[in-house]
Protein backbone atom coordinates (compact mmCIF):
# COMPACT_ATOMS: atom_id res chain seq x y z
CA MET A 1 -8.45 23.34 -4.08
CA ASN A 2 -7.22 23.30 -8.07
CA SER A 3 -7.83 20.39 -10.00
CA ARG A 4 -5.01 20.05 -9.95
CA GLN A 5 -4.42 19.71 -6.24
CA ALA A 6 -7.36 17.28 -6.57
CA ALA A 7 -5.81 14.85 -9.10
CA MET A 8 -2.47 14.86 -6.50
CA VAL A 9 -4.69 14.18 -3.69
CA LYS A 10 -6.63 10.86 -5.56
CA LEU A 11 -3.38 9.37 -6.77
CA VAL A 12 -1.86 9.77 -2.79
CA ASP A 13 -5.38 8.06 -1.39
CA THR A 14 -4.90 5.66 -4.58
CA LEU A 15 -0.99 5.49 -3.78
CA LEU A 16 -2.17 4.77 0.16
CA LEU A 17 -5.26 2.74 0.22
CA GLY A 18 -2.55 0.48 -1.34
CA SER A 19 0.12 0.05 0.69
CA SER A 20 -0.42 -1.76 4.04
CA ALA A 21 -2.15 -0.65 7.43
CA ARG A 22 0.94 1.26 8.28
CA ALA A 23 -0.30 3.78 5.64
CA SER A 24 -3.32 4.29 7.15
CA ARG A 25 -2.54 6.13 9.84
CA PHE A 26 -0.28 8.43 7.83
CA GLU A 27 -2.81 9.24 5.95
CA SER A 28 -4.90 10.01 8.31
CA GLU A 29 -2.22 12.66 8.78
CA TRP A 30 -2.15 13.50 5.56
CA ARG A 31 -6.22 14.14 5.39
CA HIS A 32 -5.92 16.15 8.69
CA VAL A 33 -3.47 18.08 6.94
CA ILE A 34 -4.78 19.03 3.69
CA TYR A 35 -8.27 19.34 5.32
């Protein structure tokens, strides 16, 4: 994973963590796709 992708993941994580609890399920799915 290059630095641009890492920055994208960090941004998405920040947005999701800043959202309501409904985003937590999506975050876990997103992490599953990434890793």
